[in-house]
N, C-alpha and C. Protein backbone atom coordinates (compact mmCIF):
# COMPACT_ATOMS: atom_id res chain seq x y z
N MET A 1 10.05 154.70 -5.93
CA MET A 1 10.46 156.08 -5.80
C MET A 1 9.73 156.73 -4.63
N ALA A 2 10.41 157.57 -3.95
CA ALA A 2 9.82 158.30 -2.85
C ALA A 2 9.22 159.60 -3.37
N GLU A 3 8.59 160.32 -2.49
CA GLU A 3 8.00 161.61 -2.84
C GLU A 3 9.06 162.54 -3.43
N GLY A 4 8.68 163.30 -4.45
CA GLY A 4 9.61 164.22 -5.07
C GLY A 4 10.52 163.56 -6.09
N GLY A 5 10.27 162.28 -6.43
CA GLY A 5 11.08 161.61 -7.43
C GLY A 5 12.42 161.10 -6.94
N LYS A 6 12.68 161.21 -5.64
CA LYS A 6 13.95 160.73 -5.11
C LYS A 6 13.89 159.23 -4.90
N LYS A 7 15.00 158.59 -5.14
CA LYS A 7 15.12 157.15 -4.92
C LYS A 7 15.17 156.89 -3.42
N ARG A 8 14.42 155.93 -2.96
CA ARG A 8 14.37 155.61 -1.54
C ARG A 8 15.22 154.37 -1.27
N PHE A 9 16.13 154.48 -0.31
CA PHE A 9 16.99 153.36 0.05
C PHE A 9 16.27 152.52 1.10
N MET A 10 16.11 151.24 0.82
CA MET A 10 15.42 150.32 1.73
C MET A 10 16.40 149.26 2.21
N ILE A 11 16.30 148.91 3.47
CA ILE A 11 17.14 147.85 4.03
C ILE A 11 16.32 146.57 4.10
N GLU A 12 16.73 145.60 3.32
CA GLU A 12 16.06 144.30 3.30
C GLU A 12 16.66 143.40 4.38
N PRO A 13 15.90 142.41 4.87
CA PRO A 13 16.42 141.53 5.93
C PRO A 13 17.69 140.76 5.57
N HIS A 14 17.97 140.54 4.30
CA HIS A 14 19.18 139.82 3.90
C HIS A 14 20.38 140.76 3.70
N SER A 15 20.16 142.05 3.87
CA SER A 15 21.23 143.04 3.69
C SER A 15 22.19 143.04 4.88
N PRO A 16 23.48 143.27 4.65
CA PRO A 16 24.42 143.38 5.78
C PRO A 16 24.11 144.61 6.64
N TYR A 17 23.31 145.54 6.14
CA TYR A 17 22.93 146.72 6.92
C TYR A 17 21.76 146.46 7.87
N PHE A 18 21.07 145.35 7.67
CA PHE A 18 19.88 145.05 8.46
C PHE A 18 20.25 144.80 9.92
N LEU A 19 19.54 145.47 10.81
CA LEU A 19 19.68 145.26 12.25
C LEU A 19 18.32 144.88 12.81
N HIS A 20 18.22 143.70 13.36
CA HIS A 20 16.97 143.24 13.96
C HIS A 20 16.69 144.09 15.20
N PRO A 21 15.42 144.36 15.50
CA PRO A 21 15.11 145.17 16.69
C PRO A 21 15.68 144.62 18.00
N SER A 22 15.94 143.32 18.05
CA SER A 22 16.51 142.74 19.28
C SER A 22 18.03 142.89 19.34
N GLU A 23 18.64 143.41 18.29
CA GLU A 23 20.10 143.55 18.24
C GLU A 23 20.51 144.96 18.63
N GLY A 24 20.56 145.18 19.93
CA GLY A 24 20.97 146.49 20.43
C GLY A 24 22.45 146.52 20.77
N PRO A 25 22.94 147.70 21.15
CA PRO A 25 24.37 147.84 21.46
C PRO A 25 24.79 147.10 22.73
N GLY A 26 23.84 146.74 23.57
CA GLY A 26 24.18 146.08 24.82
C GLY A 26 24.17 144.57 24.78
N ILE A 27 23.88 143.97 23.63
CA ILE A 27 23.83 142.50 23.59
C ILE A 27 25.23 141.91 23.53
N MET A 28 25.34 140.71 24.05
CA MET A 28 26.58 139.94 23.94
C MET A 28 26.41 139.00 22.76
N ILE A 29 27.22 139.17 21.74
CA ILE A 29 27.06 138.32 20.55
C ILE A 29 27.68 136.94 20.75
N MET A 30 28.46 136.80 21.83
CA MET A 30 29.04 135.50 22.19
C MET A 30 29.58 135.60 23.61
N THR A 31 30.00 134.49 24.17
CA THR A 31 30.46 134.49 25.56
C THR A 31 31.97 134.50 25.71
N VAL A 32 32.70 134.30 24.62
CA VAL A 32 34.16 134.30 24.70
C VAL A 32 34.64 135.75 24.76
N ILE A 33 35.34 136.09 25.84
CA ILE A 33 35.86 137.44 26.03
C ILE A 33 37.35 137.44 25.68
N PHE A 34 37.74 138.37 24.81
CA PHE A 34 39.15 138.48 24.43
C PHE A 34 39.94 139.02 25.60
N ASP A 35 40.97 138.27 26.01
CA ASP A 35 41.80 138.68 27.14
C ASP A 35 43.26 138.90 26.75
N GLY A 36 43.55 138.86 25.46
CA GLY A 36 44.91 139.04 24.99
C GLY A 36 45.67 137.74 24.82
N LYS A 37 45.15 136.66 25.38
CA LYS A 37 45.83 135.36 25.30
C LYS A 37 45.05 134.35 24.46
N ASN A 38 43.77 134.59 24.27
CA ASN A 38 42.91 133.62 23.58
C ASN A 38 42.51 134.10 22.19
N CYS A 39 43.44 134.67 21.47
CA CYS A 39 43.16 135.31 20.19
C CYS A 39 42.52 134.36 19.18
N GLU A 40 43.06 133.16 19.02
CA GLU A 40 42.54 132.24 18.01
C GLU A 40 41.10 131.83 18.31
N LEU A 41 40.83 131.46 19.57
CA LEU A 41 39.47 131.07 19.95
C LEU A 41 38.52 132.24 19.79
N TRP A 42 38.93 133.42 20.25
CA TRP A 42 38.08 134.61 20.17
C TRP A 42 37.79 134.98 18.71
N GLU A 43 38.81 134.97 17.88
CA GLU A 43 38.63 135.30 16.47
C GLU A 43 37.67 134.33 15.79
N TRP A 44 37.82 133.06 16.10
CA TRP A 44 36.94 132.03 15.53
C TRP A 44 35.50 132.26 15.99
N ALA A 45 35.31 132.53 17.29
CA ALA A 45 33.96 132.75 17.84
C ALA A 45 33.33 134.02 17.26
N ILE A 46 34.09 135.09 17.14
CA ILE A 46 33.57 136.34 16.56
C ILE A 46 33.18 136.11 15.10
N THR A 47 34.03 135.41 14.37
CA THR A 47 33.75 135.14 12.96
C THR A 47 32.43 134.41 12.80
N ILE A 48 32.20 133.40 13.61
CA ILE A 48 30.94 132.66 13.55
C ILE A 48 29.77 133.56 13.91
N ALA A 49 29.89 134.31 14.99
CA ALA A 49 28.80 135.19 15.43
C ALA A 49 28.45 136.22 14.36
N LEU A 50 29.45 136.79 13.72
CA LEU A 50 29.19 137.81 12.70
C LEU A 50 28.67 137.21 11.40
N LYS A 51 29.07 135.96 11.09
CA LYS A 51 28.50 135.28 9.93
C LYS A 51 27.00 135.07 10.14
N VAL A 52 26.63 134.65 11.32
CA VAL A 52 25.22 134.41 11.64
C VAL A 52 24.41 135.69 11.46
N LYS A 53 24.98 136.81 11.82
CA LYS A 53 24.30 138.10 11.73
C LYS A 53 24.50 138.80 10.38
N ASN A 54 25.19 138.15 9.47
CA ASN A 54 25.47 138.71 8.13
C ASN A 54 26.25 140.02 8.24
N LYS A 55 27.22 140.07 9.15
CA LYS A 55 27.99 141.30 9.37
C LYS A 55 29.49 141.08 9.21
N LEU A 56 29.92 139.89 8.83
CA LEU A 56 31.34 139.61 8.68
C LEU A 56 31.98 140.53 7.64
N SER A 57 31.23 140.94 6.66
CA SER A 57 31.76 141.79 5.59
C SER A 57 32.24 143.15 6.11
N PHE A 58 31.78 143.58 7.28
CA PHE A 58 32.24 144.85 7.83
C PHE A 58 33.66 144.75 8.37
N ILE A 59 34.02 143.60 8.93
CA ILE A 59 35.37 143.48 9.49
C ILE A 59 36.38 142.92 8.50
N ASN A 60 35.90 142.27 7.45
CA ASN A 60 36.88 141.79 6.45
C ASN A 60 37.04 142.79 5.30
N GLY A 61 36.29 143.89 5.35
CA GLY A 61 36.48 144.97 4.40
C GLY A 61 35.73 144.84 3.09
N THR A 62 34.87 143.84 2.94
CA THR A 62 34.17 143.70 1.66
C THR A 62 32.98 144.65 1.54
N VAL A 63 32.50 145.19 2.66
CA VAL A 63 31.47 146.23 2.62
C VAL A 63 32.11 147.51 3.15
N GLU A 64 32.43 148.40 2.23
CA GLU A 64 33.04 149.67 2.60
C GLU A 64 31.97 150.75 2.70
N ARG A 65 32.28 151.82 3.39
CA ARG A 65 31.31 152.90 3.56
C ARG A 65 31.06 153.58 2.21
N PRO A 66 29.80 153.58 1.78
CA PRO A 66 29.48 154.25 0.51
C PRO A 66 29.41 155.77 0.71
N GLU A 67 29.53 156.48 -0.38
CA GLU A 67 29.43 157.94 -0.34
C GLU A 67 27.96 158.35 -0.34
N ALA A 68 27.67 159.45 0.33
CA ALA A 68 26.31 159.99 0.33
C ALA A 68 26.02 160.63 -1.02
N THR A 69 24.79 160.48 -1.47
CA THR A 69 24.36 161.14 -2.70
C THR A 69 23.12 161.97 -2.40
N ASP A 70 22.89 162.98 -3.18
CA ASP A 70 21.75 163.88 -2.96
C ASP A 70 20.42 163.33 -3.47
N ASP A 71 20.44 162.23 -4.20
CA ASP A 71 19.20 161.75 -4.80
C ASP A 71 18.48 160.69 -3.97
N GLU A 72 18.85 160.54 -2.71
CA GLU A 72 18.22 159.52 -1.87
C GLU A 72 17.64 160.16 -0.62
N ASP A 73 16.50 159.62 -0.16
CA ASP A 73 15.91 160.09 1.10
C ASP A 73 16.71 159.57 2.29
N PHE A 74 17.00 158.30 2.26
CA PHE A 74 17.75 157.66 3.34
C PHE A 74 19.03 157.13 2.72
N PHE A 75 20.13 157.72 3.08
CA PHE A 75 21.39 157.39 2.45
C PHE A 75 21.89 156.01 2.85
N GLU A 76 22.45 155.32 1.90
CA GLU A 76 23.08 154.04 2.19
C GLU A 76 24.21 154.23 3.18
N CYS A 77 24.89 155.37 3.11
CA CYS A 77 25.99 155.60 4.05
C CYS A 77 25.48 155.70 5.49
N ASN A 78 24.25 156.18 5.69
CA ASN A 78 23.67 156.21 7.03
C ASN A 78 23.44 154.80 7.55
N ALA A 79 22.96 153.92 6.67
CA ALA A 79 22.74 152.53 7.05
C ALA A 79 24.06 151.86 7.39
N TRP A 80 25.09 152.17 6.61
CA TRP A 80 26.41 151.62 6.88
C TRP A 80 26.91 152.11 8.24
N ASP A 81 26.75 153.40 8.50
CA ASP A 81 27.18 153.98 9.78
C ASP A 81 26.48 153.32 10.96
N MET A 82 25.18 153.09 10.84
CA MET A 82 24.44 152.45 11.93
C MET A 82 24.93 151.03 12.18
N ALA A 83 25.07 150.26 11.12
CA ALA A 83 25.52 148.87 11.28
C ALA A 83 26.95 148.82 11.81
N ASN A 84 27.83 149.67 11.28
CA ASN A 84 29.21 149.71 11.74
C ASN A 84 29.29 150.09 13.22
N SER A 85 28.50 151.08 13.63
CA SER A 85 28.49 151.50 15.04
C SER A 85 28.01 150.37 15.94
N MET A 86 27.01 149.63 15.47
CA MET A 86 26.52 148.49 16.26
C MET A 86 27.64 147.46 16.41
N LEU A 87 28.36 147.17 15.33
CA LEU A 87 29.47 146.22 15.41
C LEU A 87 30.53 146.70 16.38
N CYS A 88 30.84 147.98 16.35
CA CYS A 88 31.83 148.52 17.29
C CYS A 88 31.39 148.28 18.73
N SER A 89 30.11 148.52 19.01
CA SER A 89 29.62 148.30 20.37
C SER A 89 29.67 146.82 20.74
N TRP A 90 29.33 145.94 19.79
CA TRP A 90 29.40 144.51 20.07
C TRP A 90 30.83 144.06 20.34
N LEU A 91 31.77 144.55 19.55
CA LEU A 91 33.17 144.18 19.76
C LEU A 91 33.67 144.66 21.12
N LEU A 92 33.31 145.88 21.50
CA LEU A 92 33.75 146.40 22.81
C LEU A 92 33.23 145.54 23.96
N ARG A 93 32.05 144.98 23.80
CA ARG A 93 31.44 144.17 24.87
C ARG A 93 32.10 142.80 25.03
N VAL A 94 32.85 142.34 24.03
CA VAL A 94 33.46 141.02 24.13
C VAL A 94 34.99 141.12 24.25
N ILE A 95 35.43 142.23 24.81
CA ILE A 95 36.85 142.45 25.06
C ILE A 95 37.02 142.74 26.55
N ASP A 96 38.02 142.15 27.13
CA ASP A 96 38.32 142.39 28.54
C ASP A 96 38.39 143.89 28.80
N PRO A 97 37.74 144.38 29.86
CA PRO A 97 37.76 145.82 30.13
C PRO A 97 39.16 146.43 30.20
N LYS A 98 40.14 145.66 30.61
CA LYS A 98 41.52 146.17 30.68
C LYS A 98 42.10 146.46 29.30
N LEU A 99 41.56 145.81 28.26
CA LEU A 99 42.07 145.98 26.91
C LEU A 99 41.23 146.92 26.05
N ARG A 100 40.07 147.31 26.53
CA ARG A 100 39.16 148.13 25.72
C ARG A 100 39.76 149.46 25.29
N MET A 101 40.55 150.06 26.14
CA MET A 101 41.10 151.38 25.81
C MET A 101 42.02 151.34 24.60
N THR A 102 42.54 150.17 24.27
CA THR A 102 43.44 150.09 23.11
C THR A 102 42.69 150.30 21.79
N ILE A 103 41.37 150.06 21.80
CA ILE A 103 40.59 150.22 20.57
C ILE A 103 39.35 151.09 20.74
N ALA A 104 39.12 151.60 21.93
CA ALA A 104 37.86 152.29 22.24
C ALA A 104 37.57 153.47 21.32
N TYR A 105 38.57 154.09 20.78
CA TYR A 105 38.34 155.29 19.98
C TYR A 105 38.42 155.05 18.48
N CYS A 106 38.45 153.79 18.07
CA CYS A 106 38.33 153.46 16.65
C CYS A 106 36.88 153.68 16.26
N ASP A 107 36.65 154.30 15.12
CA ASP A 107 35.26 154.52 14.72
C ASP A 107 34.80 153.57 13.61
N MET A 108 35.65 152.61 13.28
CA MET A 108 35.27 151.60 12.29
C MET A 108 35.54 150.21 12.85
N ALA A 109 34.56 149.33 12.71
CA ALA A 109 34.70 147.97 13.22
C ALA A 109 35.91 147.27 12.59
N LYS A 110 36.16 147.52 11.31
CA LYS A 110 37.31 146.90 10.64
C LYS A 110 38.61 147.34 11.30
N ASP A 111 38.73 148.62 11.66
CA ASP A 111 39.94 149.10 12.33
C ASP A 111 40.11 148.45 13.70
N MET A 112 39.01 148.31 14.44
CA MET A 112 39.06 147.61 15.73
C MET A 112 39.57 146.20 15.54
N TRP A 113 38.97 145.52 14.58
CA TRP A 113 39.33 144.13 14.29
C TRP A 113 40.80 143.99 13.93
N ASP A 114 41.25 144.85 13.03
CA ASP A 114 42.65 144.81 12.59
C ASP A 114 43.61 145.10 13.75
N ASP A 115 43.27 146.07 14.60
CA ASP A 115 44.11 146.40 15.75
C ASP A 115 44.19 145.23 16.72
N LEU A 116 43.07 144.57 16.96
CA LEU A 116 43.07 143.44 17.89
C LEU A 116 43.84 142.24 17.33
N ARG A 117 43.80 142.07 16.05
CA ARG A 117 44.51 140.94 15.45
C ARG A 117 46.02 141.13 15.50
N LYS A 118 46.49 142.37 15.61
CA LYS A 118 47.93 142.65 15.72
C LYS A 118 48.36 142.28 17.09
């Protein structure tokens, strides 16, 4: 429990919300760049990269954004937002610049993923 009796939300290293300090928005999670023609290879490479980082659940929809509650110091929804935003930045970096505008304004990694798969 945190000060004032509030439950404190902690991010453990095995959590899908965990972001290692070396995992910034500018990193390339893989070298395969989606160009609109290599969908199968790109999807396979992204899937592997996100499995390694324990983030695949964000794009397959198994980790949905939780609701904020007043009884926590650090909301789980904040952790979800940070991890989701990092995924969005990673996805944008592995897409051909000519195609980025098609998904650039999606605010959820799952939506980006679903749009690209179409």
